Amino acid sequence: MSYAVPNFSRKQITRAGFVLVDPLATRGAHSDALALINHWRACHAYPVNTFQATLRSRLKRIDAESIVATRLKRIPSIEKKLNVNPGMQLVRMQDVGGLRAIVGSIKNVRRVQELYSDGSLTHELVSTDDYIANPKVSGYRSLHLIYRYSNPGAPEYEGLCLELQVRTKIQHLWATAVETVGTFLNQALKSSEGEEEWLQYFQAVGAAFAWMEKSPVESTYFHLSRIEVFGLVKELGIRLDVRRKLDAFSVAAQHINNKSTGSYHLIILNAKLKTVSIDSFGLRRLEDANAAYATAEAVASKSSDDIQPVLVATDSMHKLRRAYPNYFLDTREFLRAISRIETTVDLHVITKRQNLRTAAKR
């Protein structure tokens, strides 16, 4: 396999980041900066790949049904993060290379965390953000571990950072539903920007999902009982017509099937046309995959359509769709979880009425 090898200085990457978001930069300077950033991003593939090999091995002992996927951060996401954080040095961005582990329970999240905190890795654990113990106001919950890569056998990649996200299936359903709705509303719901009612809905769903997993809820909902939170989810869902809208978002990408082969997959979602395309690359074609990724992003930046490319890696097409359902506009599993919440509310109402009738007869 041919991996991109660093051939730049930290100062060059920092400078390229500033040029990327400089509205006064010349077209030539912007193009040169973008080329360097694409190469720098591609260099994260080596540490991400070696890291995920260990992750897959460890997860086999913890959760046989777990899913592991990797991705390199999209240029628009890099650019937005630099704009939101003026003066931020691109070289210090810690999630350009990312891994996602989806497991069946919070107990298994904690088992993964224990394995990665036992000191057996040569890589440096830079920071831990536990959004399960302390959910974000948005309702987001997941465990984030930031590592600085350190491998005596590959010193050229020393110091590159990567982010490992460990989340449960239901936490994953919440996060991908937020991205799917945000795509069609053309709003950054993921960044807590957009229509207040939708933000409130997903905030309430996050709290409901936390109740379902018997884990801490965000402080906004401390004063509400489980059934009150569930009732709020149902009420907001009816008001927003969530089920009908999410059903309408679903896309039948019939040209995508489980026979697609390859280790790296370039997914291109056209939200305007509701189409999804995938170009898969074998293990030895990583360089081609990165080049195609850069080209797709360049095309997307000039298109009037809402086109979102992303390069990810999974070991099967089935797991790809489960790891990134938002790129397939698939919210079916999310809606099943919402149905469980609504059923609980309905049963509570029925039971309450029956109890009142019984009490009245006495």
Protein backbone atom coordinates (compact mmCIF):
# COMPACT_ATOMS: atom_id res chain seq x y z
CA MET A 1 0.00 0.00 0.00
CA SER A 2 1.25 3.47 -0.86
CA TYR A 3 0.78 6.01 1.92
CA ALA A 4 1.37 9.74 1.61
CA VAL A 5 4.58 10.71 3.40
CA PRO A 6 4.98 14.08 5.16
CA ASN A 7 7.19 16.50 3.20
CA PHE A 8 6.25 19.74 4.89
CA SER A 9 6.97 21.71 8.05
CA ARG A 10 4.51 22.61 10.78
CA LYS A 11 4.88 26.26 9.82
CA GLN A 12 3.87 25.47 6.24
CA ILE A 13 0.67 23.75 7.38
CA THR A 14 -0.17 26.60 9.75
CA ARG A 15 0.36 29.12 6.96
CA ALA A 16 -1.75 27.07 4.55
CA GLY A 17 -4.59 27.06 7.07
CA PHE A 18 -4.56 30.82 7.33
CA VAL A 19 -4.54 31.17 3.54
CA LEU A 20 -7.44 28.72 3.21
CA VAL A 21 -9.76 31.02 5.17
CA ASP A 22 -8.29 34.34 3.98
CA PRO A 23 -10.88 36.03 1.72
CA LEU A 24 -8.14 38.25 0.31
CA ALA A 25 -5.86 35.38 -0.72
CA THR A 26 -5.15 35.18 -4.44
CA ARG A 27 -6.53 32.25 -6.42
CA GLY A 28 -3.02 30.89 -6.88
CA ALA A 29 -2.17 31.13 -3.18
CA HIS A 30 -5.46 29.47 -2.26
CA SER A 31 -4.86 26.66 -4.75
CA ASP A 32 -1.34 26.03 -3.43
CA ALA A 33 -2.60 26.04 0.16
CA LEU A 34 -5.37 23.60 -0.69
CA ALA A 35 -2.95 21.22 -2.41
CA LEU A 36 -0.70 21.21 0.67
CA ILE A 37 -3.64 20.67 3.03
CA ASN A 38 -4.90 17.77 0.90
CA HIS A 39 -1.46 16.15 1.13
CA TRP A 40 -1.23 16.80 4.87
CA ARG A 41 -4.68 15.29 5.34
CA ALA A 42 -3.72 12.23 3.28
CA CYS A 43 -0.70 11.68 5.55
CA HIS A 44 -3.10 10.90 8.40
CA ALA A 45 -4.19 7.71 6.61
CA TYR A 46 -1.13 5.79 7.84
CA PRO A 47 -1.61 6.42 11.59
CA VAL A 48 -5.39 6.00 11.26
CA ASN A 49 -4.96 2.65 9.50
CA THR A 50 -2.45 1.26 12.00
CA PHE A 51 -4.61 2.48 14.87
CA GLN A 52 -7.77 0.89 13.49
CA ALA A 53 -6.07 -2.49 13.12
CA THR A 54 -5.49 -2.54 16.88
CA LEU A 55 -8.99 -1.24 17.53
CA ARG A 56 -10.64 -4.00 15.47
CA SER A 57 -8.60 -6.65 17.26
CA ARG A 58 -9.56 -5.34 20.68
CA LEU A 59 -13.23 -4.95 19.81
CA LYS A 60 -13.48 -8.60 18.78
CA ARG A 61 -12.97 -9.48 22.45
CA ILE A 62 -15.53 -6.94 23.64
CA ASP A 63 -18.35 -6.76 21.11
CA ALA A 64 -18.57 -9.10 18.13
CA GLU A 65 -21.29 -6.92 16.56
CA SER A 66 -19.29 -3.71 16.79
CA ILE A 67 -18.58 -1.54 13.76
CA VAL A 68 -15.35 0.31 13.03
CA ALA A 69 -15.07 2.99 10.39
CA THR A 70 -12.43 5.59 9.62
CA ARG A 71 -12.55 8.87 7.77
CA LEU A 72 -10.39 11.83 6.81
CA LYS A 73 -11.97 15.17 7.67
CA ARG A 74 -13.71 16.98 4.80
CA ILE A 75 -12.08 20.22 3.58
CA PRO A 76 -15.33 22.21 4.14
CA SER A 77 -15.35 20.95 7.74
CA ILE A 78 -11.71 21.95 8.20
CA GLU A 79 -12.42 25.37 6.74
CA LYS A 80 -15.47 25.89 8.93
CA LYS A 81 -13.58 24.93 12.07
CA LEU A 82 -10.83 27.43 11.24
CA ASN A 83 -13.41 30.16 10.61
CA VAL A 84 -15.26 29.44 13.86
CA ASN A 85 -11.96 29.53 15.78
CA PRO A 86 -10.06 32.60 14.49
CA GLY A 87 -6.32 32.29 14.97
CA MET A 88 -6.47 28.51 15.31
CA GLN A 89 -3.41 26.81 13.86
CA LEU A 90 -4.37 24.10 11.39
CA VAL A 91 -1.42 21.97 12.46
CA ARG A 92 -3.02 21.74 15.91
CA MET A 93 -6.36 20.43 14.62
CA GLN A 94 -6.79 17.09 16.36
CA ASP A 95 -9.54 15.34 14.41
CA VAL A 96 -8.30 15.41 10.80
CA GLY A 97 -7.86 11.67 11.03
CA GLY A 98 -10.83 10.01 12.70
CA LEU A 99 -11.96 6.57 13.84
CA ARG A 100 -15.43 5.61 14.95
CA ALA A 101 -16.30 2.55 17.01
CA ILE A 102 -19.99 1.71 17.43
CA VAL A 103 -20.78 -0.80 20.18
CA GLY A 104 -23.92 -2.25 21.68
CA SER A 105 -23.93 -0.74 25.15
CA ILE A 106 -22.44 1.90 27.43
CA LYS A 107 -20.82 -0.94 29.36
CA ASN A 108 -18.87 -1.82 26.22
CA VAL A 109 -17.94 1.83 25.67
CA ARG A 110 -16.37 1.78 29.12
CA ARG A 111 -14.57 -1.49 28.41
CA VAL A 112 -13.03 0.09 25.31
CA GLN A 113 -12.05 3.14 27.34
CA GLU A 114 -10.37 0.93 29.95
CA LEU A 115 -8.37 -0.87 27.27
CA TYR A 116 -7.17 2.43 25.84
CA SER A 117 -6.30 3.88 29.24
CA ASP A 118 -4.14 1.03 30.53
CA GLY A 119 -0.90 2.59 29.25
CA SER A 120 -0.10 -0.19 26.78
CA LEU A 121 -0.14 2.12 23.73
CA THR A 122 2.97 3.98 22.66
CA HIS A 123 0.75 6.83 21.44
CA GLU A 124 0.11 9.78 23.74
CA LEU A 125 -3.43 10.29 25.03
CA VAL A 126 -3.79 14.05 24.64
CA SER A 127 -7.33 14.53 25.95
CA THR A 128 -10.58 12.77 26.81
CA ASP A 129 -14.01 14.30 26.26
CA ASP A 130 -16.72 12.20 27.90
CA TYR A 131 -19.99 13.41 26.41
CA ILE A 132 -21.79 10.38 27.83
CA ALA A 133 -21.16 11.33 31.45
CA ASN A 134 -21.60 14.99 30.50
CA PRO A 135 -23.87 15.27 27.44
CA LYS A 136 -23.64 18.35 25.26
CA VAL A 137 -26.55 20.81 25.44
CA SER A 138 -27.47 19.72 21.90
CA GLY A 139 -28.14 16.18 23.13
CA TYR A 140 -24.94 14.74 21.62
CA ARG A 141 -23.39 11.85 23.53
CA SER A 142 -20.19 9.96 22.76
CA LEU A 143 -16.71 9.32 24.14
CA HIS A 144 -13.86 11.14 22.37
CA LEU A 145 -10.23 10.14 22.83
CA ILE A 146 -7.55 12.30 21.18
CA TYR A 147 -4.18 10.66 20.52
CA ARG A 148 -0.86 11.97 19.27
CA TYR A 149 0.71 9.30 17.08
CA SER A 150 4.04 7.88 18.21
CA ASN A 151 5.66 4.92 16.48
CA PRO A 152 9.45 4.35 16.42
CA GLY A 153 8.91 2.25 13.29
CA ALA A 154 7.40 5.18 11.39
CA PRO A 155 8.98 8.36 12.82
CA GLU A 156 7.90 10.43 9.80
CA TYR A 157 4.32 10.36 11.11
CA GLU A 158 5.32 11.32 14.65
CA GLY A 159 3.07 13.96 16.19
CA LEU A 160 0.06 13.62 13.88
CA CYS A 161 -3.16 13.58 15.89
CA LEU A 162 -6.25 11.46 15.48
CA GLU A 163 -9.60 11.20 17.20
CA LEU A 164 -11.25 7.99 18.35
CA GLN A 165 -15.00 8.26 18.92
CA VAL A 166 -16.66 5.43 20.82
CA ARG A 167 -20.44 5.46 20.94
CA THR A 168 -23.38 3.12 21.36
CA LYS A 169 -25.76 2.26 18.54
CA ILE A 170 -28.49 4.53 19.86
CA GLN A 171 -26.06 7.43 20.32
CA HIS A 172 -25.01 6.83 16.73
CA LEU A 173 -28.63 6.90 15.54
CA TRP A 174 -29.09 10.31 17.18
CA ALA A 175 -25.94 11.80 15.64
CA THR A 176 -26.63 10.57 12.11
CA ALA A 177 -30.29 11.65 12.23
CA VAL A 178 -29.17 15.17 13.18
CA GLU A 179 -26.83 15.22 10.18
CA THR A 180 -29.52 13.90 7.82
CA VAL A 181 -32.10 16.49 8.86
CA GLY A 182 -29.46 19.22 8.79
CA THR A 183 -28.59 18.23 5.23
CA PHE A 184 -32.13 18.65 3.98
CA LEU A 185 -32.87 21.79 5.95
CA ASN A 186 -29.51 23.16 4.79
CA GLN A 187 -28.80 24.06 8.40
CA ALA A 188 -25.86 23.21 10.64
CA LEU A 189 -27.93 21.41 13.28
CA LYS A 190 -24.81 19.40 14.13
CA SER A 191 -23.19 22.68 15.24
CA SER A 192 -26.35 23.78 17.10
CA GLU A 193 -27.26 26.24 14.36
CA GLY A 194 -30.68 26.28 12.71
CA GLU A 195 -34.40 26.28 13.47
CA GLU A 196 -35.01 26.40 17.21
CA GLU A 197 -37.78 23.79 17.14
CA TRP A 198 -35.55 21.22 15.42
CA LEU A 199 -32.71 21.95 17.84
CA GLN A 200 -35.14 21.53 20.75
CA TYR A 201 -36.45 18.28 19.27
CA PHE A 202 -33.04 16.67 19.01
CA GLN A 203 -32.09 18.00 22.43
CA ALA A 204 -35.15 16.25 23.88
CA VAL A 205 -34.46 13.05 21.90
CA GLY A 206 -30.90 13.05 23.25
CA ALA A 207 -32.28 13.18 26.79
CA ALA A 208 -34.82 10.43 26.00
CA PHE A 209 -32.09 8.21 24.59
CA ALA A 210 -30.02 8.84 27.73
CA TRP A 211 -32.98 7.66 29.84
CA MET A 212 -33.25 4.55 27.65
CA GLU A 213 -29.59 3.78 28.35
CA LYS A 214 -29.90 4.69 32.05
CA SER A 215 -27.16 7.28 31.71
CA PRO A 216 -26.95 10.98 32.72
CA VAL A 217 -29.24 13.42 30.93
CA GLU A 218 -28.24 16.95 29.97
CA SER A 219 -28.89 19.46 32.77
CA THR A 220 -31.77 21.15 30.90
CA TYR A 221 -33.88 18.07 31.67
CA PHE A 222 -32.90 17.46 35.30
CA HIS A 223 -36.34 18.62 36.48
CA LEU A 224 -38.27 16.27 34.17
CA SER A 225 -39.12 12.61 34.73
CA ARG A 226 -38.48 9.95 32.13
CA ILE A 227 -42.10 9.92 30.96
CA GLU A 228 -42.15 13.72 30.78
CA VAL A 229 -39.09 13.72 28.53
CA PHE A 230 -40.63 10.99 26.37
CA GLY A 231 -43.85 12.98 26.17
CA LEU A 232 -41.94 16.08 25.04
CA VAL A 233 -40.30 14.07 22.27
CA LYS A 234 -43.69 12.88 21.05
CA GLU A 235 -45.23 16.35 21.27
CA LEU A 236 -42.39 18.02 19.36
CA GLY A 237 -42.34 15.19 16.84
CA ILE A 238 -46.01 15.70 16.03
CA ARG A 239 -45.57 19.46 15.79
CA LEU A 240 -42.65 19.11 13.37
CA ASP A 241 -44.22 16.21 11.46
CA VAL A 242 -40.94 14.38 11.98
CA ARG A 243 -41.97 10.91 10.83
CA ARG A 244 -43.39 12.02 7.50
CA LYS A 245 -40.42 14.29 6.80
CA LEU A 246 -37.81 11.67 7.66
CA ASP A 247 -39.61 9.06 5.58
CA ALA A 248 -39.51 11.53 2.68
CA PHE A 249 -35.75 11.97 3.15
CA SER A 250 -35.06 8.28 2.53
CA VAL A 251 -33.36 7.53 -0.73
CA ALA A 252 -33.42 4.29 -2.66
CA ALA A 253 -29.87 4.07 -3.95
CA GLN A 254 -30.47 0.94 -6.00
CA HIS A 255 -27.11 1.17 -7.75
CA ILE A 256 -25.39 0.62 -4.41
CA ASN A 257 -25.20 -3.00 -3.34
CA ASN A 258 -23.33 -5.32 -1.04
CA LYS A 259 -21.25 -6.60 -3.95
CA SER A 260 -19.23 -3.39 -4.07
CA THR A 261 -15.65 -4.24 -3.18
CA GLY A 262 -12.80 -2.27 -1.75
CA SER A 263 -11.39 -1.02 1.53
CA TYR A 264 -11.80 2.71 0.85
CA HIS A 265 -15.07 4.22 -0.29
CA LEU A 266 -15.61 7.68 -1.72
CA ILE A 267 -19.25 8.50 -0.93
CA ILE A 268 -20.80 11.45 -2.75
CA LEU A 269 -24.21 12.62 -1.55
CA ASN A 270 -26.17 15.07 -3.68
CA ALA A 271 -28.77 16.29 -1.22
CA LYS A 272 -30.59 18.37 -3.82
CA LEU A 273 -31.10 15.45 -6.20
CA LYS A 274 -31.32 12.85 -3.40
CA THR A 275 -28.70 10.64 -5.02
CA VAL A 276 -25.78 8.75 -3.57
CA SER A 277 -22.80 7.38 -5.46
CA ILE A 278 -19.91 5.30 -4.22
CA ASP A 279 -16.53 4.70 -5.80
CA SER A 280 -14.62 1.94 -4.02
CA PHE A 281 -10.84 1.48 -3.99
CA GLY A 282 -8.81 -1.56 -3.07
CA LEU A 283 -6.31 -1.60 -0.23
CA ARG A 284 -3.43 -0.79 -2.58
CA ARG A 285 -5.19 2.17 -4.19
CA LEU A 286 -5.17 4.59 -1.26
CA GLU A 287 -3.26 7.20 -3.27
CA ASP A 288 -5.91 7.05 -6.01
CA ALA A 289 -8.66 7.30 -3.37
CA ASN A 290 -7.14 10.44 -1.84
CA ALA A 291 -6.73 12.03 -5.28
CA ALA A 292 -10.36 11.25 -6.15
CA TYR A 293 -11.45 12.69 -2.79
CA ALA A 294 -9.65 15.98 -3.47
CA THR A 295 -11.13 16.17 -6.97
CA ALA A 296 -14.66 15.48 -5.71
CA GLU A 297 -14.34 18.23 -3.12
CA ALA A 298 -13.09 20.66 -5.75
CA VAL A 299 -16.09 19.85 -7.97
CA ALA A 300 -18.49 20.16 -5.00
CA SER A 301 -17.11 23.59 -4.08
CA LYS A 302 -18.01 24.92 -7.55
CA SER A 303 -21.45 23.28 -7.80
CA SER A 304 -24.74 24.99 -7.05
CA ASP A 305 -26.07 21.69 -5.67
CA ASP A 306 -25.47 20.58 -2.07
CA ILE A 307 -22.82 17.94 -2.81
CA GLN A 308 -21.04 16.27 0.11
CA PRO A 309 -18.12 13.93 -0.59
CA VAL A 310 -16.38 11.94 2.13
CA LEU A 311 -13.70 9.23 2.01
CA VAL A 312 -14.22 6.47 4.55
CA ALA A 313 -12.93 2.98 5.23
CA THR A 314 -14.91 -0.04 6.42
CA ASP A 315 -14.52 -3.76 5.83
CA SER A 316 -17.89 -4.28 4.14
CA MET A 317 -20.58 -2.32 2.29
CA HIS A 318 -23.14 -3.42 4.89
CA LYS A 319 -21.07 -1.89 7.69
CA LEU A 320 -20.47 1.20 5.60
CA ARG A 321 -24.20 1.87 5.42
CA ARG A 322 -24.58 1.25 9.16
CA ALA A 323 -21.64 3.49 10.04
CA TYR A 324 -22.71 6.37 7.77
CA PRO A 325 -26.52 6.15 7.35
CA ASN A 326 -26.68 9.95 7.03
CA TYR A 327 -24.87 9.68 3.68
CA PHE A 328 -27.61 7.33 2.52
CA LEU A 329 -30.32 9.54 4.02
CA ASP A 330 -31.38 6.52 6.05
CA THR A 331 -33.25 7.24 9.30
CA ARG A 332 -35.23 4.01 9.59
CA GLU A 333 -33.47 2.76 12.72
CA PHE A 334 -33.79 6.19 14.31
CA LEU A 335 -37.55 6.18 13.65
CA ARG A 336 -37.84 2.71 15.22
CA ALA A 337 -36.25 4.08 18.39
CA ILE A 338 -38.66 7.04 18.32
CA SER A 339 -41.56 4.58 17.96
CA ARG A 340 -40.45 2.85 21.18
CA ILE A 341 -40.53 6.20 22.96
CA GLU A 342 -44.00 7.04 21.60
CA THR A 343 -45.34 3.59 22.52
CA THR A 344 -44.11 4.05 26.09
CA VAL A 345 -45.98 7.38 26.28
CA ASP A 346 -49.16 5.84 24.87
CA LEU A 347 -49.05 2.93 27.32
CA HIS A 348 -48.47 5.35 30.20
CA VAL A 349 -51.54 7.37 29.19
CA ILE A 350 -53.68 4.21 28.90
CA THR A 351 -52.50 2.93 32.28
CA LYS A 352 -53.14 6.29 33.90
CA ARG A 353 -56.71 6.37 32.54
CA GLN A 354 -57.36 2.82 33.71
CA ASN A 355 -56.10 3.68 37.19
CA LEU A 356 -58.38 6.73 37.31
CA ARG A 357 -61.39 4.65 36.27
CA THR A 358 -60.55 2.05 38.91
CA ALA A 359 -60.20 4.70 41.56
CA ALA A 360 -63.52 6.30 40.54
CA LYS A 361 -65.37 2.98 40.92
CA ARG A 362 -64.17 2.70 44.49
